[in-house]
Amino acid sequence: MNDTYFTVSDIAVYFNISNQKINKIFQELAWAEKQDKWWIATELGLNNGAKQEYNTRNKQKYIKWASSVKENTVLVEAIKKVKEPIKVKKTLYKEKIEKGSAYEEHVSNYYKSLGYTVWEHGKELGVKDHGIDVIVKLGRKVLFLQCKHWNKSNKYKITHQHLKSMRQDVFDYIEKKAIFSMYEIEVVYVVSTDIFDKSAYYYLDEHKGNIKAEIIPF
């Protein structure tokens, strides 16, 4: 019974991976090697289902692979290793989101303990939160908070651009909400540790009364 043969593109689609990565894997497994501009099957590749082909029309050499290669455990494991960092990135992103949400809740509880009425704005509205994580109110004062649970080991710093963007987001938001004209408004950038750079401190000093920084450890 003749085996069915697939191109690299067919195999890439099957494993949901790019042609370039599949070719790189074949090369790393020593199943194929690059000669000039063509991929050539090695002896090991031929033993694992490779079939060298030549297109007489465009005069190009290429490899086809027996359908059984899709179940080849060596290839499958190699592909898993290539795709694993994507899964790790997704996991790290999920952990980052969870930590951020936990910190927002921590900040909310802190302000509740001070007698503020708290609206977990970001949790409720998600991506439509206008950059405002939490809104708290006490008497005639309303604070708009953005919360960052970054630590000093991170390469990121809070700069004046972060503060400027937050301040503008809040002003744009309250401009459309007439009710806030009745209150004293303040923008607060809340962090779990001091990660402001010099430009941020200059900005805070220049805009006292409109925006301030607060460190609430977590």
N, C-alpha and C. Protein backbone atom coordinates (compact mmCIF):
# COMPACT_ATOMS: atom_id res chain seq x y z
N MET A 1 0.84 -1.19 0.00
CA MET A 1 0.00 0.00 0.00
C MET A 1 0.89 1.26 0.00
N ASN A 2 0.65 2.16 -0.95
CA ASN A 2 1.45 3.37 -1.05
C ASN A 2 1.09 4.36 0.05
N ASP A 3 2.13 4.97 0.62
CA ASP A 3 1.89 5.97 1.66
C ASP A 3 1.54 7.30 1.01
N THR A 4 0.77 8.12 1.71
CA THR A 4 0.46 9.47 1.25
C THR A 4 1.59 10.38 1.68
N TYR A 5 1.96 11.32 0.80
CA TYR A 5 3.05 12.23 1.11
C TYR A 5 2.55 13.67 1.23
N PHE A 6 3.16 14.39 2.19
CA PHE A 6 2.76 15.77 2.46
C PHE A 6 3.93 16.72 2.27
N THR A 7 3.61 17.95 1.91
CA THR A 7 4.63 18.99 1.85
C THR A 7 4.86 19.55 3.26
N VAL A 8 5.90 20.35 3.39
CA VAL A 8 6.16 21.02 4.67
C VAL A 8 4.98 21.90 5.07
N SER A 9 4.38 22.55 4.08
CA SER A 9 3.22 23.42 4.37
C SER A 9 2.06 22.62 4.95
N ASP A 10 1.83 21.42 4.40
CA ASP A 10 0.77 20.56 4.92
C ASP A 10 1.03 20.18 6.37
N ILE A 11 2.27 19.84 6.66
CA ILE A 11 2.65 19.43 8.02
C ILE A 11 2.54 20.63 8.98
N ALA A 12 2.93 21.80 8.49
CA ALA A 12 2.85 23.02 9.31
C ALA A 12 1.40 23.31 9.70
N VAL A 13 0.49 23.16 8.75
CA VAL A 13 -0.93 23.39 9.02
C VAL A 13 -1.43 22.36 10.03
N TYR A 14 -1.01 21.12 9.86
CA TYR A 14 -1.47 20.05 10.75
C TYR A 14 -1.07 20.33 12.20
N PHE A 15 0.17 20.80 12.39
CA PHE A 15 0.66 21.05 13.75
C PHE A 15 0.44 22.49 14.22
N ASN A 16 -0.19 23.30 13.37
CA ASN A 16 -0.44 24.70 13.71
C ASN A 16 0.85 25.43 14.08
N ILE A 17 1.79 25.37 13.16
CA ILE A 17 3.11 25.97 13.36
C ILE A 17 3.57 26.50 12.01
N SER A 18 4.53 27.39 11.99
CA SER A 18 4.96 27.98 10.72
C SER A 18 5.86 27.04 9.93
N ASN A 19 5.91 27.25 8.60
CA ASN A 19 6.80 26.48 7.73
C ASN A 19 8.25 26.62 8.18
N GLN A 20 8.62 27.85 8.54
CA GLN A 20 10.01 28.11 8.95
C GLN A 20 10.39 27.28 10.17
N LYS A 21 9.47 27.19 11.14
CA LYS A 21 9.78 26.43 12.35
C LYS A 21 9.85 24.93 12.06
N ILE A 22 8.97 24.44 11.18
CA ILE A 22 9.02 23.02 10.82
C ILE A 22 10.34 22.70 10.14
N ASN A 23 10.76 23.54 9.19
CA ASN A 23 12.04 23.31 8.51
C ASN A 23 13.21 23.35 9.49
N LYS A 24 13.13 24.28 10.45
CA LYS A 24 14.21 24.39 11.45
C LYS A 24 14.27 23.13 12.31
N ILE A 25 13.10 22.59 12.64
CA ILE A 25 13.06 21.36 13.44
C ILE A 25 13.66 20.20 12.67
N PHE A 26 13.27 20.08 11.40
CA PHE A 26 13.85 19.01 10.56
C PHE A 26 15.37 19.14 10.48
N GLN A 27 15.83 20.38 10.40
CA GLN A 27 17.28 20.62 10.34
C GLN A 27 17.95 20.25 11.65
N GLU A 28 17.34 20.62 12.78
CA GLU A 28 17.91 20.31 14.09
C GLU A 28 17.91 18.81 14.37
N LEU A 29 16.92 18.11 13.81
CA LEU A 29 16.87 16.64 13.97
C LEU A 29 17.81 15.94 13.00
N ALA A 30 18.45 16.74 12.13
CA ALA A 30 19.35 16.20 11.09
C ALA A 30 18.59 15.33 10.09
N TRP A 31 17.32 15.67 9.87
CA TRP A 31 16.52 14.98 8.87
C TRP A 31 16.59 15.69 7.52
N ALA A 32 17.00 16.95 7.55
CA ALA A 32 17.11 17.73 6.33
C ALA A 32 18.22 18.75 6.51
N GLU A 33 18.79 19.17 5.40
CA GLU A 33 19.83 20.19 5.45
C GLU A 33 19.67 21.14 4.28
N LYS A 34 20.14 22.37 4.48
CA LYS A 34 20.01 23.39 3.45
C LYS A 34 21.24 23.33 2.55
N GLN A 35 20.99 23.18 1.27
CA GLN A 35 22.06 23.23 0.28
C GLN A 35 21.70 24.29 -0.74
N ASP A 36 22.51 25.33 -0.78
CA ASP A 36 22.17 26.51 -1.57
C ASP A 36 20.81 27.03 -1.11
N LYS A 37 19.82 27.05 -1.99
CA LYS A 37 18.49 27.55 -1.60
C LYS A 37 17.48 26.43 -1.42
N TRP A 38 17.93 25.18 -1.47
CA TRP A 38 17.01 24.04 -1.40
C TRP A 38 17.18 23.24 -0.11
N TRP A 39 16.09 22.59 0.28
CA TRP A 39 16.14 21.65 1.39
C TRP A 39 16.36 20.24 0.83
N ILE A 40 17.39 19.58 1.37
CA ILE A 40 17.76 18.24 0.90
C ILE A 40 17.59 17.25 2.06
N ALA A 41 16.95 16.12 1.79
CA ALA A 41 16.74 15.10 2.82
C ALA A 41 18.05 14.38 3.11
N THR A 42 18.36 14.22 4.39
CA THR A 42 19.54 13.45 4.80
C THR A 42 19.17 11.96 4.84
N GLU A 43 20.17 11.14 5.08
CA GLU A 43 19.90 9.70 5.18
C GLU A 43 18.95 9.42 6.34
N LEU A 44 19.14 10.15 7.45
CA LEU A 44 18.26 10.00 8.62
C LEU A 44 16.84 10.45 8.27
N GLY A 45 16.75 11.51 7.48
CA GLY A 45 15.44 11.98 7.05
C GLY A 45 14.73 10.96 6.18
N LEU A 46 15.48 10.35 5.25
CA LEU A 46 14.90 9.33 4.37
C LEU A 46 14.39 8.15 5.19
N ASN A 47 15.11 7.83 6.26
CA ASN A 47 14.68 6.73 7.13
C ASN A 47 13.43 7.07 7.94
N ASN A 48 13.12 8.38 8.03
CA ASN A 48 11.94 8.82 8.79
C ASN A 48 10.81 9.32 7.89
N GLY A 49 10.85 8.93 6.64
CA GLY A 49 9.72 9.20 5.75
C GLY A 49 9.92 10.30 4.74
N ALA A 50 11.14 10.84 4.62
CA ALA A 50 11.37 11.89 3.64
C ALA A 50 11.46 11.31 2.23
N LYS A 51 11.06 12.12 1.27
CA LYS A 51 11.16 11.73 -0.14
C LYS A 51 11.61 12.95 -0.92
N GLN A 52 12.79 12.84 -1.52
CA GLN A 52 13.33 13.98 -2.27
C GLN A 52 12.59 14.15 -3.59
N GLU A 53 12.20 15.40 -3.86
CA GLU A 53 11.46 15.68 -5.09
C GLU A 53 12.16 16.79 -5.87
N TYR A 54 11.82 16.85 -7.17
CA TYR A 54 12.38 17.89 -8.03
C TYR A 54 11.28 18.40 -8.95
N ASN A 55 11.06 19.71 -8.91
CA ASN A 55 10.03 20.32 -9.74
C ASN A 55 10.68 20.75 -11.06
N THR A 56 10.34 20.04 -12.14
CA THR A 56 10.97 20.32 -13.44
C THR A 56 10.54 21.67 -14.01
N ARG A 57 9.38 22.15 -13.58
CA ARG A 57 8.87 23.42 -14.10
C ARG A 57 9.67 24.61 -13.58
N ASN A 58 9.85 24.66 -12.27
CA ASN A 58 10.63 25.77 -11.71
C ASN A 58 12.05 25.38 -11.30
N LYS A 59 12.38 24.11 -11.57
CA LYS A 59 13.74 23.60 -11.33
C LYS A 59 14.17 23.76 -9.88
N GLN A 60 13.27 23.40 -8.96
CA GLN A 60 13.57 23.49 -7.54
C GLN A 60 13.48 22.11 -6.89
N LYS A 61 14.40 21.90 -5.95
CA LYS A 61 14.39 20.67 -5.17
C LYS A 61 13.60 20.92 -3.88
N TYR A 62 12.87 19.93 -3.44
CA TYR A 62 12.12 20.05 -2.19
C TYR A 62 11.86 18.66 -1.62
N ILE A 63 11.34 18.62 -0.41
CA ILE A 63 11.11 17.34 0.27
C ILE A 63 9.63 17.15 0.52
N LYS A 64 9.17 15.94 0.32
CA LYS A 64 7.84 15.54 0.77
C LYS A 64 8.03 14.53 1.89
N TRP A 65 7.03 14.47 2.77
CA TRP A 65 7.14 13.59 3.93
C TRP A 65 5.97 12.63 3.98
N ALA A 66 6.27 11.38 4.28
CA ALA A 66 5.23 10.37 4.41
C ALA A 66 4.25 10.78 5.51
N SER A 67 2.97 10.49 5.33
CA SER A 67 1.95 10.88 6.31
C SER A 67 2.24 10.33 7.70
N SER A 68 2.98 9.24 7.76
CA SER A 68 3.30 8.62 9.06
C SER A 68 4.17 9.52 9.92
N VAL A 69 4.82 10.54 9.30
CA VAL A 69 5.68 11.44 10.07
C VAL A 69 4.86 12.21 11.11
N LYS A 70 3.56 12.37 10.88
CA LYS A 70 2.71 13.11 11.82
C LYS A 70 2.60 12.41 13.17
N GLU A 71 2.83 11.08 13.16
CA GLU A 71 2.79 10.32 14.41
C GLU A 71 4.18 9.98 14.93
N ASN A 72 5.20 10.48 14.25
CA ASN A 72 6.58 10.21 14.66
C ASN A 72 6.82 10.87 16.02
N THR A 73 7.10 10.08 17.04
CA THR A 73 7.22 10.59 18.41
C THR A 73 8.38 11.59 18.57
N VAL A 74 9.47 11.38 17.83
CA VAL A 74 10.61 12.30 17.90
C VAL A 74 10.21 13.67 17.38
N LEU A 75 9.51 13.69 16.25
CA LEU A 75 9.07 14.96 15.68
C LEU A 75 8.03 15.64 16.57
N VAL A 76 7.08 14.87 17.05
CA VAL A 76 6.01 15.42 17.90
C VAL A 76 6.60 16.06 19.15
N GLU A 77 7.56 15.40 19.78
CA GLU A 77 8.18 15.96 20.99
C GLU A 77 8.97 17.22 20.68
N ALA A 78 9.65 17.24 19.53
CA ALA A 78 10.41 18.42 19.14
C ALA A 78 9.48 19.62 18.90
N ILE A 79 8.33 19.36 18.31
CA ILE A 79 7.36 20.43 18.07
C ILE A 79 6.79 20.93 19.39
N LYS A 80 6.52 20.03 20.32
CA LYS A 80 6.01 20.43 21.63
C LYS A 80 6.97 21.38 22.33
N LYS A 81 8.26 21.10 22.22
CA LYS A 81 9.26 21.95 22.87
C LYS A 81 9.29 23.35 22.26
N VAL A 82 9.08 23.42 20.95
CA VAL A 82 9.06 24.71 20.26
C VAL A 82 7.83 25.50 20.66
N LYS A 83 6.70 24.83 20.83
CA LYS A 83 5.45 25.51 21.14
C LYS A 83 5.30 25.82 22.63
N GLU A 84 6.09 25.17 23.47
CA GLU A 84 5.97 25.33 24.92
C GLU A 84 6.17 26.76 25.39
N PRO A 85 7.18 27.51 24.85
CA PRO A 85 7.33 28.89 25.32
C PRO A 85 6.09 29.73 25.14
N ILE A 86 5.28 29.46 24.10
CA ILE A 86 4.04 30.20 23.89
C ILE A 86 3.11 29.94 25.06
N LYS A 87 3.02 28.67 25.49
CA LYS A 87 2.17 28.32 26.62
C LYS A 87 2.67 28.99 27.89
N VAL A 88 4.01 29.03 28.05
CA VAL A 88 4.59 29.65 29.23
C VAL A 88 4.27 31.14 29.25
N LYS A 89 4.36 31.79 28.08
CA LYS A 89 4.04 33.22 28.00
C LYS A 89 2.60 33.47 28.40
N LYS A 90 1.70 32.62 27.92
CA LYS A 90 0.29 32.77 28.25
C LYS A 90 0.07 32.60 29.74
N THR A 91 0.79 31.63 30.34
CA THR A 91 0.67 31.39 31.77
C THR A 91 1.17 32.58 32.56
N LEU A 92 2.33 33.13 32.15
CA LEU A 92 2.89 34.29 32.84
C LEU A 92 1.97 35.50 32.72
N TYR A 93 1.36 35.66 31.54
CA TYR A 93 0.44 36.78 31.35
C TYR A 93 -0.76 36.62 32.27
N LYS A 94 -1.27 35.38 32.37
CA LYS A 94 -2.41 35.11 33.23
C LYS A 94 -2.07 35.41 34.69
N GLU A 95 -0.85 34.99 35.12
CA GLU A 95 -0.41 35.25 36.49
C GLU A 95 -0.29 36.75 36.74
N LYS A 96 0.19 37.48 35.74
CA LYS A 96 0.33 38.94 35.87
C LYS A 96 -1.03 39.59 36.08
N ILE A 97 -2.01 39.15 35.30
CA ILE A 97 -3.37 39.69 35.41
C ILE A 97 -3.94 39.37 36.79
N GLU A 98 -3.73 38.13 37.25
CA GLU A 98 -4.25 37.72 38.55
C GLU A 98 -3.61 38.52 39.69
N LYS A 99 -2.29 38.75 39.59
CA LYS A 99 -1.60 39.53 40.62
C LYS A 99 -2.09 40.98 40.63
N GLY A 100 -2.32 41.50 39.40
CA GLY A 100 -2.81 42.87 39.30
C GLY A 100 -4.19 43.01 39.92
N SER A 101 -5.06 42.02 39.67
CA SER A 101 -6.41 42.04 40.23
C SER A 101 -6.38 41.93 41.75
N ALA A 102 -5.46 41.07 42.24
CA ALA A 102 -5.34 40.89 43.69
C ALA A 102 -4.87 42.19 44.35
N TYR A 103 -3.97 42.89 43.67
CA TYR A 103 -3.47 44.15 44.24
C TYR A 103 -4.57 45.21 44.24
N GLU A 104 -5.35 45.27 43.17
CA GLU A 104 -6.47 46.22 43.12
C GLU A 104 -7.44 45.97 44.27
N GLU A 105 -7.70 44.69 44.54
CA GLU A 105 -8.60 44.34 45.65
C GLU A 105 -7.99 44.76 46.99
N HIS A 106 -6.68 44.56 47.12
CA HIS A 106 -5.96 44.96 48.33
C HIS A 106 -6.06 46.47 48.55
N VAL A 107 -5.87 47.24 47.48
CA VAL A 107 -5.97 48.70 47.56
C VAL A 107 -7.40 49.11 47.91
N SER A 108 -8.37 48.44 47.31
CA SER A 108 -9.78 48.73 47.60
C SER A 108 -10.08 48.51 49.07
N ASN A 109 -9.60 47.42 49.62
CA ASN A 109 -9.82 47.12 51.04
C ASN A 109 -9.13 48.14 51.95
N TYR A 110 -7.97 48.61 51.51
CA TYR A 110 -7.25 49.63 52.28
C TYR A 110 -8.09 50.90 52.40
N TYR A 111 -8.65 51.35 51.29
CA TYR A 111 -9.46 52.57 51.31
C TYR A 111 -10.78 52.36 52.05
N LYS A 112 -11.33 51.16 51.96
CA LYS A 112 -12.54 50.85 52.74
C LYS A 112 -12.27 50.99 54.22
N SER A 113 -11.06 50.55 54.64
CA SER A 113 -10.70 50.63 56.05
C SER A 113 -10.56 52.07 56.52
N LEU A 114 -10.37 52.99 55.56
CA LEU A 114 -10.26 54.41 55.90
C LEU A 114 -11.62 55.11 55.83
N GLY A 115 -12.66 54.33 55.52
CA GLY A 115 -14.00 54.90 55.50
C GLY A 115 -14.51 55.32 54.14
N TYR A 116 -13.73 55.05 53.09
CA TYR A 116 -14.15 55.43 51.74
C TYR A 116 -15.19 54.45 51.20
N THR A 117 -16.07 54.96 50.36
CA THR A 117 -16.93 54.12 49.55
C THR A 117 -16.13 53.75 48.30
N VAL A 118 -16.11 52.47 47.95
CA VAL A 118 -15.20 52.00 46.89
C VAL A 118 -15.97 51.41 45.72
N TRP A 119 -15.54 51.79 44.53
CA TRP A 119 -16.05 51.18 43.29
C TRP A 119 -14.87 50.56 42.56
N GLU A 120 -14.85 49.23 42.47
CA GLU A 120 -13.78 48.54 41.74
C GLU A 120 -14.07 48.65 40.25
N HIS A 121 -13.76 49.80 39.73
CA HIS A 121 -14.10 50.21 38.38
C HIS A 121 -13.50 49.28 37.32
N GLY A 122 -12.22 48.97 37.46
CA GLY A 122 -11.53 48.12 36.49
C GLY A 122 -12.08 46.71 36.45
N LYS A 123 -12.37 46.16 37.62
CA LYS A 123 -12.91 44.81 37.70
C LYS A 123 -14.28 44.73 37.02
N GLU A 124 -15.06 45.78 37.19
CA GLU A 124 -16.41 45.78 36.64
C GLU A 124 -16.44 46.02 35.14
N LEU A 125 -15.59 46.95 34.67
CA LEU A 125 -15.65 47.35 33.26
C LEU A 125 -14.59 46.72 32.37
N GLY A 126 -13.57 46.10 32.97
CA GLY A 126 -12.53 45.44 32.17
C GLY A 126 -11.79 46.41 31.27
N VAL A 127 -11.68 46.07 29.97
CA VAL A 127 -10.91 46.89 29.04
C VAL A 127 -11.55 48.26 28.80
N LYS A 128 -12.79 48.43 29.23
CA LYS A 128 -13.47 49.71 29.05
C LYS A 128 -13.34 50.61 30.28
N ASP A 129 -12.32 50.35 31.10
CA ASP A 129 -12.20 51.10 32.36
C ASP A 129 -11.54 52.47 32.23
N HIS A 130 -11.11 52.83 30.98
CA HIS A 130 -10.47 54.14 30.73
C HIS A 130 -9.20 54.31 31.56
N GLY A 131 -8.54 53.20 31.89
CA GLY A 131 -7.30 53.28 32.67
C GLY A 131 -7.51 53.56 34.13
N ILE A 132 -8.76 53.52 34.59
CA ILE A 132 -9.09 53.80 36.00
C ILE A 132 -9.42 52.47 36.68
N ASP A 133 -8.57 52.04 37.60
CA ASP A 133 -8.77 50.75 38.26
C ASP A 133 -9.81 50.82 39.37
N VAL A 134 -9.71 51.85 40.20
CA VAL A 134 -10.58 51.97 41.37
C VAL A 134 -10.99 53.43 41.55
N ILE A 135 -12.25 53.66 41.92
CA ILE A 135 -12.74 54.99 42.26
C ILE A 135 -13.23 54.95 43.71
N VAL A 136 -12.75 55.87 44.53
CA VAL A 136 -13.16 55.89 45.94
C VAL A 136 -13.69 57.27 46.30
N LYS A 137 -14.63 57.30 47.24
CA LYS A 137 -15.30 58.56 47.62
C LYS A 137 -15.41 58.67 49.13
N LEU A 138 -15.12 59.85 49.63
CA LEU A 138 -15.30 60.15 51.04
C LEU A 138 -15.74 61.61 51.14
N GLY A 139 -16.99 61.79 51.57
CA GLY A 139 -17.51 63.15 51.63
C GLY A 139 -17.57 63.77 50.24
N ARG A 140 -16.93 64.95 50.10
CA ARG A 140 -16.93 65.66 48.81
C ARG A 140 -15.70 65.32 47.97
N LYS A 141 -14.90 64.37 48.43
CA LYS A 141 -13.66 64.03 47.72
C LYS A 141 -13.81 62.70 46.97
N VAL A 142 -13.40 62.71 45.71
CA VAL A 142 -13.39 61.49 44.90
C VAL A 142 -11.98 61.28 44.36
N LEU A 143 -11.45 60.10 44.59
CA LEU A 143 -10.11 59.76 44.11
C LEU A 143 -10.22 58.73 42.99
N PHE A 144 -9.48 58.97 41.92
CA PHE A 144 -9.40 58.04 40.81
C PHE A 144 -8.04 57.36 40.87
N LEU A 145 -8.04 56.05 41.02
CA LEU A 145 -6.80 55.32 41.27
C LEU A 145 -6.40 54.42 40.09
N GLN A 146 -5.12 54.42 39.81
CA GLN A 146 -4.55 53.38 38.97
C GLN A 146 -3.54 52.64 39.83
N CYS A 147 -3.61 51.30 39.81
CA CYS A 147 -2.80 50.48 40.72
C CYS A 147 -1.78 49.66 39.94
N LYS A 148 -0.53 49.70 40.38
CA LYS A 148 0.53 48.92 39.74
C LYS A 148 1.28 48.11 40.79
N HIS A 149 1.19 46.78 40.65
CA HIS A 149 1.93 45.91 41.56
C HIS A 149 3.21 45.45 40.86
N TRP A 150 4.11 46.40 40.62
CA TRP A 150 5.42 46.08 40.06
C TRP A 150 6.43 46.12 41.20
N ASN A 151 7.51 45.37 41.05
CA ASN A 151 8.55 45.43 42.08
C ASN A 151 9.85 45.91 41.46
N LYS A 152 10.82 46.16 42.28
CA LYS A 152 12.07 46.77 41.82
C LYS A 152 12.90 45.84 40.94
N SER A 153 12.58 44.55 40.96
CA SER A 153 13.30 43.61 40.10
C SER A 153 12.82 43.69 38.66
N ASN A 154 11.62 44.29 38.46
CA ASN A 154 11.13 44.49 37.10
C ASN A 154 11.98 45.54 36.40
N LYS A 155 12.08 45.43 35.09
CA LYS A 155 12.85 46.41 34.33
C LYS A 155 12.05 47.68 34.09
N TYR A 156 10.75 47.64 34.40
CA TYR A 156 9.88 48.78 34.13
C TYR A 156 9.90 49.79 35.28
N LYS A 157 9.75 51.05 34.91
CA LYS A 157 9.63 52.14 35.87
C LYS A 157 8.41 52.97 35.50
N ILE A 158 7.82 53.63 36.50
CA ILE A 158 6.74 54.57 36.23
C ILE A 158 7.39 55.89 35.84
N THR A 159 7.09 56.38 34.65
CA THR A 159 7.66 57.62 34.16
C THR A 159 6.59 58.72 34.14
N HIS A 160 7.00 59.93 33.78
CA HIS A 160 6.05 61.03 33.68
C HIS A 160 4.98 60.75 32.62
N GLN A 161 5.34 59.93 31.61
CA GLN A 161 4.37 59.60 30.57
C GLN A 161 3.22 58.77 31.12
N HIS A 162 3.51 57.84 32.03
CA HIS A 162 2.46 57.05 32.68
C HIS A 162 1.52 57.98 33.46
N LEU A 163 2.11 58.90 34.19
CA LEU A 163 1.31 59.81 35.02
C LEU A 163 0.48 60.77 34.15
N LYS A 164 1.11 61.28 33.11
CA LYS A 164 0.41 62.20 32.20
C LYS A 164 -0.77 61.51 31.54
N SER A 165 -0.55 60.28 31.10
CA SER A 165 -1.61 59.52 30.44
C SER A 165 -2.77 59.24 31.40
N MET A 166 -2.44 58.85 32.63
CA MET A 166 -3.46 58.57 33.63
C MET A 166 -4.27 59.83 33.93
N ARG A 167 -3.58 60.95 34.13
CA ARG A 167 -4.25 62.21 34.45
C ARG A 167 -5.20 62.61 33.32
N GLN A 168 -4.74 62.47 32.09
CA GLN A 168 -5.58 62.82 30.94
C GLN A 168 -6.78 61.89 30.82
N ASP A 169 -6.56 60.60 31.07
CA ASP A 169 -7.66 59.63 31.01
C ASP A 169 -8.76 59.99 32.00
N VAL A 170 -8.35 60.40 33.19
CA VAL A 170 -9.33 60.76 34.23
C VAL A 170 -10.10 62.02 33.82
N PHE A 171 -9.37 63.04 33.34
CA PHE A 171 -10.03 64.28 32.95
C PHE A 171 -10.99 64.06 31.78
N ASP A 172 -10.60 63.19 30.85
CA ASP A 172 -11.50 62.87 29.73
C ASP A 172 -12.75 62.15 30.24
N TYR A 173 -12.54 61.30 31.24
CA TYR A 173 -13.65 60.52 31.80
C TYR A 173 -14.65 61.41 32.54
N ILE A 174 -14.15 62.28 33.42
CA ILE A 174 -15.06 63.10 34.23
C ILE A 174 -15.74 64.20 33.41
N GLU A 175 -15.10 64.55 32.27
CA GLU A 175 -15.71 65.56 31.40
C GLU A 175 -17.05 65.07 30.85
N LYS A 176 -17.17 63.74 30.72
CA LYS A 176 -18.41 63.15 30.18
C LYS A 176 -19.39 62.77 31.30
N LYS A 177 -18.96 62.95 32.55
CA LYS A 177 -19.80 62.59 33.69
C LYS A 177 -20.05 63.84 34.54
N ALA A 178 -21.15 64.52 34.24
CA ALA A 178 -21.44 65.81 34.88
C ALA A 178 -21.48 65.73 36.40
N ILE A 179 -21.84 64.57 36.94
CA ILE A 179 -21.98 64.44 38.39
C ILE A 179 -20.68 64.73 39.14
N PHE A 180 -19.54 64.47 38.49
CA PHE A 180 -18.26 64.67 39.18
C PHE A 180 -17.89 66.14 39.34
N SER A 181 -18.61 67.02 38.66
CA SER A 181 -18.34 68.46 38.81
C SER A 181 -18.69 68.93 40.22
N MET A 182 -19.45 68.12 40.95
CA MET A 182 -19.86 68.47 42.32
C MET A 182 -18.81 68.11 43.36
N TYR A 183 -17.75 67.41 42.91
CA TYR A 183 -16.79 66.88 43.88
C TYR A 183 -15.38 67.43 43.68
N GLU A 184 -14.58 67.27 44.73
CA GLU A 184 -13.15 67.58 44.65
C GLU A 184 -12.46 66.34 44.08
N ILE A 185 -11.80 66.52 42.96
CA ILE A 185 -11.23 65.38 42.23
C ILE A 185 -9.72 65.31 42.43
N GLU A 186 -9.22 64.08 42.61
CA GLU A 186 -7.78 63.87 42.67
C GLU A 186 -7.42 62.55 42.00
N VAL A 187 -6.34 62.59 41.24
CA VAL A 187 -5.82 61.39 40.57
C VAL A 187 -4.70 60.82 41.44
N VAL A 188 -4.77 59.52 41.71
CA VAL A 188 -3.75 58.89 42.56
C VAL A 188 -3.16 57.67 41.84
N TYR A 189 -1.84 57.69 41.68
CA TYR A 189 -1.14 56.56 41.08
C TYR A 189 -0.60 55.71 42.23
N VAL A 190 -1.18 54.54 42.42
CA VAL A 190 -0.86 53.70 43.58
C VAL A 190 0.07 52.57 43.16
N VAL A 191 1.16 52.41 43.90
CA VAL A 191 2.12 51.34 43.61
C VAL A 191 2.44 50.58 44.90
N SER A 192 2.91 49.35 44.73
CA SER A 192 3.22 48.53 45.90
C SER A 192 4.63 48.80 46.42
N THR A 193 5.46 49.42 45.59
CA THR A 193 6.82 49.81 46.01
C THR A 193 7.25 51.00 45.17
N ASP A 194 8.25 51.73 45.61
CA ASP A 194 8.67 52.95 44.92
C ASP A 194 9.39 52.61 43.62
N ILE A 195 8.66 52.74 42.50
CA ILE A 195 9.25 52.44 41.19
C ILE A 195 9.12 53.64 40.25
N PHE A 196 9.02 54.86 40.83
CA PHE A 196 8.94 56.06 40.03
C PHE A 196 10.34 56.53 39.64
N ASP A 197 10.49 56.95 38.38
CA ASP A 197 11.79 57.50 38.00
C ASP A 197 11.80 59.01 38.24
N LYS A 198 12.91 59.66 37.92
CA LYS A 198 13.06 61.09 38.21
C LYS A 198 12.02 61.92 37.47
N SER A 199 11.75 61.55 36.21
CA SER A 199 10.79 62.34 35.42
C SER A 199 9.40 62.27 36.05
N ALA A 200 9.07 61.14 36.67
CA ALA A 200 7.77 61.00 37.33
C ALA A 200 7.68 61.93 38.54
N TYR A 201 8.75 62.01 39.31
CA TYR A 201 8.74 62.89 40.49
C TYR A 201 8.67 64.36 40.08
N TYR A 202 9.33 64.71 38.98
CA TYR A 202 9.22 66.09 38.49
C TYR A 202 7.77 66.40 38.10
N TYR A 203 7.14 65.44 37.44
CA TYR A 203 5.76 65.63 36.99
C TYR A 203 4.82 65.77 38.19
N LEU A 204 5.01 64.94 39.19
CA LEU A 204 4.18 65.00 40.40
C LEU A 204 4.33 66.35 41.10
N ASP A 205 5.55 66.85 41.11
CA ASP A 205 5.81 68.13 41.77
C ASP A 205 5.15 69.28 41.00
N GLU A 206 5.17 69.18 39.67
CA GLU A 206 4.60 70.23 38.83
C GLU A 206 3.07 70.25 38.86
N HIS A 207 2.46 69.11 39.19
CA HIS A 207 1.00 69.01 39.13
C HIS A 207 0.38 68.67 40.50
N LYS A 208 0.96 69.22 41.53
CA LYS A 208 0.41 69.01 42.88
C LYS A 208 -1.04 69.48 42.93
N GLY A 209 -1.85 68.70 43.61
CA GLY A 209 -3.26 69.05 43.71
C GLY A 209 -4.11 68.37 42.67
N ASN A 210 -3.48 67.92 41.57
CA ASN A 210 -4.20 67.19 40.53
C ASN A 210 -3.87 65.70 40.51
N ILE A 211 -2.63 65.40 40.83
CA ILE A 211 -2.21 64.00 40.80
C ILE A 211 -1.15 63.78 41.89
N LYS A 212 -1.20 62.64 42.51
CA LYS A 212 -0.19 62.30 43.52
C LYS A 212 0.13 60.82 43.46
N ALA A 213 1.19 60.44 44.10
CA ALA A 213 1.61 59.04 44.17
C ALA A 213 1.38 58.54 45.59
N GLU A 214 1.01 57.27 45.67
CA GLU A 214 0.85 56.65 46.98
C GLU A 214 1.41 55.24 46.94
N ILE A 215 2.18 54.90 47.95
CA ILE A 215 2.75 53.56 48.03
C ILE A 215 1.97 52.77 49.07
N ILE A 216 1.33 51.69 48.62
CA ILE A 216 0.60 50.80 49.50
C ILE A 216 1.20 49.41 49.33
N PRO A 217 2.06 48.99 50.27
CA PRO A 217 2.75 47.69 50.14
C PRO A 217 1.74 46.52 50.04
N PHE A 218 2.22 45.46 49.41
CA PHE A 218 1.36 44.28 49.24
C PHE A 218 2.16 43.02 49.55
